[in-house]
Amino acid sequence: MLWFLKPLDFLVVVIPEEHPLAKYDKFPMHELSNSPFMLLEKGEKSEISEFFVQHQIAPRVHFTTWDDYAIMSMVENGLGISILPELILQRTPYKIVKKELEDPAFRNIGIAMRQQKSLSLASRKFLEYLPYRKKE
């Protein structure tokens, strides 16, 4: 059985506060290829890489890591831009700006389990809580 925690965790562009496009409402797709890019990828092809393939975008990847905090720090220091899941960016202390993409992208987050009746009490309570966390 698969339960989705948050069917839509939007992917957003993160840029330094002083970036020329910081005042735009949405980040133009064609601009993703015009700055050094920090790629969040954890060993296999990520949602972000798939997004680039789907939209035929060739970013200038200068750094690839699985550490989203390293990416936020590099973006804050003006070393480039990136795309990160919106959930990662909640309550971040970094001085970065997040921008929606012109063509929205998202990832699905889910829980896989064999049978709900075999879950621990804590897991069952967590699943009961999920409907209250849905973003309106």
C-alpha atoms as a PDB file:
ATOM      1  CA  MET A   1       0.000   0.000   0.000  1.00  0.00           C
ATOM      2  CA  LEU A   2       1.276   3.476  -0.806  1.00  0.00           C
ATOM      3  CA  TRP A   3       0.109   6.620   0.968  1.00  0.00           C
ATOM      4  CA  PHE A   4       1.065  10.042  -0.331  1.00  0.00           C
ATOM      5  CA  LEU A   5       2.193  12.489   2.337  1.00  0.00           C
ATOM      6  CA  LYS A   6       1.994  15.581   0.207  1.00  0.00           C
ATOM      7  CA  PRO A   7       1.160  14.863  -3.420  1.00  0.00           C
ATOM      8  CA  LEU A   8       2.595  18.153  -4.543  1.00  0.00           C
ATOM      9  CA  ASP A   9       5.875  19.316  -3.097  1.00  0.00           C
ATOM     10  CA  PHE A  10       6.701  22.021  -5.599  1.00  0.00           C
ATOM     11  CA  LEU A  11      10.205  22.423  -6.945  1.00  0.00           C
ATOM     12  CA  VAL A  12      11.304  26.052  -6.849  1.00  0.00           C
ATOM     13  CA  VAL A  13      14.317  27.987  -8.082  1.00  0.00           C
ATOM     14  CA  VAL A  14      16.594  29.386  -5.390  1.00  0.00           C
ATOM     15  CA  ILE A  15      18.686  32.429  -6.201  1.00  0.00           C
ATOM     16  CA  PRO A  16      20.804  34.912  -4.227  1.00  0.00           C
ATOM     17  CA  GLU A  17      18.922  37.934  -2.879  1.00  0.00           C
ATOM     18  CA  GLU A  18      20.807  40.272  -5.233  1.00  0.00           C
ATOM     19  CA  HIS A  19      20.141  38.180  -8.369  1.00  0.00           C
ATOM     20  CA  PRO A  20      18.832  40.273 -11.314  1.00  0.00           C
ATOM     21  CA  LEU A  21      15.670  38.121 -11.489  1.00  0.00           C
ATOM     22  CA  ALA A  22      14.864  38.322  -7.765  1.00  0.00           C
ATOM     23  CA  LYS A  23      11.993  40.746  -8.439  1.00  0.00           C
ATOM     24  CA  TYR A  24      10.293  38.503 -11.031  1.00  0.00           C
ATOM     25  CA  ASP A  25       7.128  36.721  -9.904  1.00  0.00           C
ATOM     26  CA  LYS A  26       8.106  33.516 -11.707  1.00  0.00           C
ATOM     27  CA  PHE A  27      11.505  32.361 -12.871  1.00  0.00           C
ATOM     28  CA  PRO A  28      11.779  32.237 -16.699  1.00  0.00           C
ATOM     29  CA  MET A  29      12.583  28.720 -17.928  1.00  0.00           C
ATOM     30  CA  HIS A  30      15.185  29.878 -20.452  1.00  0.00           C
ATOM     31  CA  GLU A  31      17.175  31.568 -17.663  1.00  0.00           C
ATOM     32  CA  LEU A  32      17.960  28.204 -16.024  1.00  0.00           C
ATOM     33  CA  SER A  33      20.786  27.765 -18.540  1.00  0.00           C
ATOM     34  CA  ASN A  34      22.282  31.227 -18.044  1.00  0.00           C
ATOM     35  CA  SER A  35      23.785  30.869 -14.553  1.00  0.00           C
ATOM     36  CA  PRO A  36      26.061  28.336 -12.874  1.00  0.00           C
ATOM     37  CA  PHE A  37      23.791  25.602 -11.492  1.00  0.00           C
ATOM     38  CA  MET A  38      24.061  23.595  -8.259  1.00  0.00           C
ATOM     39  CA  LEU A  39      22.328  20.224  -8.818  1.00  0.00           C
ATOM     40  CA  LEU A  40      20.672  18.320  -5.969  1.00  0.00           C
ATOM     41  CA  GLU A  41      21.011  14.661  -6.870  1.00  0.00           C
ATOM     42  CA  LYS A  42      21.271  11.655  -4.596  1.00  0.00           C
ATOM     43  CA  GLY A  43      22.912   8.972  -6.715  1.00  0.00           C
ATOM     44  CA  GLU A  44      20.154   8.344  -9.200  1.00  0.00           C
ATOM     45  CA  LYS A  45      18.365  10.579 -11.654  1.00  0.00           C
ATOM     46  CA  SER A  46      16.355  13.050  -9.597  1.00  0.00           C
ATOM     47  CA  GLU A  47      13.114  14.854 -10.268  1.00  0.00           C
ATOM     48  CA  ILE A  48      15.192  17.905 -11.126  1.00  0.00           C
ATOM     49  CA  SER A  49      17.254  16.089 -13.764  1.00  0.00           C
ATOM     50  CA  GLU A  50      14.071  14.611 -15.217  1.00  0.00           C
ATOM     51  CA  PHE A  51      12.568  18.108 -15.325  1.00  0.00           C
ATOM     52  CA  PHE A  52      15.548  19.328 -17.388  1.00  0.00           C
ATOM     53  CA  VAL A  53      15.240  16.414 -19.819  1.00  0.00           C
ATOM     54  CA  GLN A  54      11.482  16.920 -20.147  1.00  0.00           C
ATOM     55  CA  HIS A  55      11.896  20.624 -20.951  1.00  0.00           C
ATOM     56  CA  GLN A  56      15.058  20.206 -23.029  1.00  0.00           C
ATOM     57  CA  ILE A  57      17.057  22.479 -20.742  1.00  0.00           C
ATOM     58  CA  ALA A  58      20.833  22.105 -20.445  1.00  0.00           C
ATOM     59  CA  PRO A  59      21.894  23.827 -17.219  1.00  0.00           C
ATOM     60  CA  ARG A  60      25.525  24.755 -16.628  1.00  0.00           C
ATOM     61  CA  VAL A  61      26.014  22.333 -13.720  1.00  0.00           C
ATOM     62  CA  HIS A  62      29.016  23.459 -11.681  1.00  0.00           C
ATOM     63  CA  PHE A  63      28.386  21.277  -8.638  1.00  0.00           C
ATOM     64  CA  THR A  64      26.336  18.167  -7.823  1.00  0.00           C
ATOM     65  CA  THR A  65      25.596  17.070  -4.261  1.00  0.00           C
ATOM     66  CA  TRP A  66      23.004  15.323  -2.134  1.00  0.00           C
ATOM     67  CA  ASP A  67      23.334  18.021   0.562  1.00  0.00           C
ATOM     68  CA  ASP A  68      20.613  20.637   0.163  1.00  0.00           C
ATOM     69  CA  TYR A  69      22.173  22.816   2.891  1.00  0.00           C
ATOM     70  CA  ALA A  70      25.448  23.000   0.943  1.00  0.00           C
ATOM     71  CA  ILE A  71      23.467  24.143  -2.096  1.00  0.00           C
ATOM     72  CA  MET A  72      21.628  26.829  -0.111  1.00  0.00           C
ATOM     73  CA  SER A  73      24.932  28.099   1.289  1.00  0.00           C
ATOM     74  CA  MET A  74      26.545  28.259  -2.158  1.00  0.00           C
ATOM     75  CA  VAL A  75      23.510  30.039  -3.631  1.00  0.00           C
ATOM     76  CA  GLU A  76      23.529  32.507  -0.719  1.00  0.00           C
ATOM     77  CA  ASN A  77      27.191  33.250  -1.479  1.00  0.00           C
ATOM     78  CA  GLY A  78      26.475  33.983  -5.139  1.00  0.00           C
ATOM     79  CA  LEU A  79      28.054  30.845  -6.615  1.00  0.00           C
ATOM     80  CA  GLY A  80      25.014  30.008  -8.737  1.00  0.00           C
ATOM     81  CA  ILE A  81      21.352  29.039  -8.663  1.00  0.00           C
ATOM     82  CA  SER A  82      19.507  25.807  -7.992  1.00  0.00           C
ATOM     83  CA  ILE A  83      16.133  24.083  -7.895  1.00  0.00           C
ATOM     84  CA  LEU A  84      15.081  22.597  -4.557  1.00  0.00           C
ATOM     85  CA  PRO A  85      11.897  21.067  -3.132  1.00  0.00           C
ATOM     86  CA  GLU A  86       9.781  23.664  -1.355  1.00  0.00           C
ATOM     87  CA  LEU A  87       9.573  21.583   1.837  1.00  0.00           C
ATOM     88  CA  ILE A  88      13.344  21.864   2.295  1.00  0.00           C
ATOM     89  CA  LEU A  89      13.101  25.659   2.178  1.00  0.00           C
ATOM     90  CA  GLN A  90      10.682  26.129   5.060  1.00  0.00           C
ATOM     91  CA  ARG A  91      12.164  28.178   7.908  1.00  0.00           C
ATOM     92  CA  THR A  92      15.595  28.327   6.319  1.00  0.00           C
ATOM     93  CA  PRO A  93      18.066  30.844   7.774  1.00  0.00           C
ATOM     94  CA  TYR A  94      19.777  31.371   4.412  1.00  0.00           C
ATOM     95  CA  LYS A  95      19.515  34.708   2.628  1.00  0.00           C
ATOM     96  CA  ILE A  96      18.123  33.320  -0.603  1.00  0.00           C
ATOM     97  CA  VAL A  97      15.026  33.968  -2.664  1.00  0.00           C
ATOM     98  CA  LYS A  98      12.745  31.190  -3.858  1.00  0.00           C
ATOM     99  CA  LYS A  99      10.871  31.607  -7.130  1.00  0.00           C
ATOM    100  CA  GLU A 100       8.174  29.544  -8.781  1.00  0.00           C
ATOM    101  CA  LEU A 101       9.068  28.217 -12.199  1.00  0.00           C
ATOM    102  CA  GLU A 102       7.157  29.461 -15.250  1.00  0.00           C
ATOM    103  CA  ASP A 103       6.214  25.828 -15.866  1.00  0.00           C
ATOM    104  CA  PRO A 104       5.548  24.362 -12.391  1.00  0.00           C
ATOM    105  CA  ALA A 105       7.357  21.193 -11.361  1.00  0.00           C
ATOM    106  CA  PHE A 106       6.745  19.008  -8.338  1.00  0.00           C
ATOM    107  CA  ARG A 107       7.606  15.753  -6.638  1.00  0.00           C
ATOM    108  CA  ASN A 108       5.393  13.217  -4.919  1.00  0.00           C
ATOM    109  CA  ILE A 109       6.206  12.088  -1.410  1.00  0.00           C
ATOM    110  CA  GLY A 110       4.785   8.837  -0.150  1.00  0.00           C
ATOM    111  CA  ILE A 111       4.899   6.119   2.464  1.00  0.00           C
ATOM    112  CA  ALA A 112       5.121   2.467   1.449  1.00  0.00           C
ATOM    113  CA  MET A 113       3.904  -0.232   3.806  1.00  0.00           C
ATOM    114  CA  ARG A 114       2.863  -3.873   3.599  1.00  0.00           C
ATOM    115  CA  GLN A 115      -0.266  -3.694   5.719  1.00  0.00           C
ATOM    116  CA  GLN A 116      -1.590  -0.855   7.798  1.00  0.00           C
ATOM    117  CA  LYS A 117      -2.636  -3.232  10.582  1.00  0.00           C
ATOM    118  CA  SER A 118       1.004  -4.307  11.113  1.00  0.00           C
ATOM    119  CA  LEU A 119       2.262  -0.733  11.625  1.00  0.00           C
ATOM    120  CA  SER A 120       3.496   0.481  14.966  1.00  0.00           C
ATOM    121  CA  LEU A 121       1.165   2.659  17.021  1.00  0.00           C
ATOM    122  CA  ALA A 122       3.319   5.716  16.254  1.00  0.00           C
ATOM    123  CA  SER A 123       3.112   5.057  12.485  1.00  0.00           C
ATOM    124  CA  ARG A 124      -0.667   4.585  12.625  1.00  0.00           C
ATOM    125  CA  LYS A 125      -1.086   7.840  14.562  1.00  0.00           C
ATOM    126  CA  PHE A 126       1.112   9.608  12.019  1.00  0.00           C
ATOM    127  CA  LEU A 127      -1.089   8.380   9.156  1.00  0.00           C
ATOM    128  CA  GLU A 128      -4.198   9.566  11.025  1.00  0.00           C
ATOM    129  CA  TYR A 129      -2.576  12.995  11.379  1.00  0.00           C
ATOM    130  CA  LEU A 130      -1.701  13.421   7.683  1.00  0.00           C
ATOM    131  CA  PRO A 131      -5.110  14.639   6.456  1.00  0.00           C
ATOM    132  CA  TYR A 132      -4.797  17.619   8.823  1.00  0.00           C
ATOM    133  CA  ARG A 133      -1.475  18.651   7.227  1.00  0.00           C
ATOM    134  CA  LYS A 134      -2.729  19.056   3.670  1.00  0.00           C
ATOM    135  CA  LYS A 135      -1.821  22.409   2.150  1.00  0.00           C
ATOM    136  CA  GLU A 136      -4.916  24.281   1.014  1.00  0.00           C
END
